[in-house]
């Protein structure tokens, strides 16, 4: 459960990071 939550958190973090990256690149 712990590792599963950590992995999900990383994916969510990357999604947010990529979204901001796209916004600032435009």
Protein backbone atom coordinates (compact mmCIF):
# COMPACT_ATOMS: atom_id res chain seq x y z
CA UNK A 1 0.00 0.00 0.00
CA UNK A 2 2.75 2.44 0.93
CA UNK A 3 4.71 1.93 -2.29
CA UNK A 4 1.52 2.04 -4.32
CA UNK A 5 0.60 5.40 -2.77
CA UNK A 6 4.12 6.73 -3.33
CA UNK A 7 4.05 5.69 -6.99
CA UNK A 8 0.65 7.30 -7.51
CA UNK A 9 1.89 10.46 -5.86
CA UNK A 10 4.92 10.59 -8.15
CA UNK A 11 2.73 10.19 -11.23
CA UNK A 12 0.41 12.94 -10.03
CA UNK A 13 3.37 15.19 -9.26
CA UNK A 14 4.80 14.62 -12.74
CA UNK A 15 1.45 15.37 -14.35
CA UNK A 16 1.20 18.68 -12.49
CA UNK A 17 4.84 19.49 -13.27
CA UNK A 18 4.32 18.82 -16.98
CA UNK A 19 1.11 20.90 -16.99
CA UNK A 20 2.91 23.91 -15.49
CA UNK A 21 5.82 23.39 -17.88
CA UNK A 22 3.44 23.56 -20.85
CA UNK A 23 1.73 26.68 -19.50
CA UNK A 24 5.01 28.53 -18.91
CA UNK A 25 6.49 27.41 -22.22
CA UNK A 26 3.55 29.00 -24.04
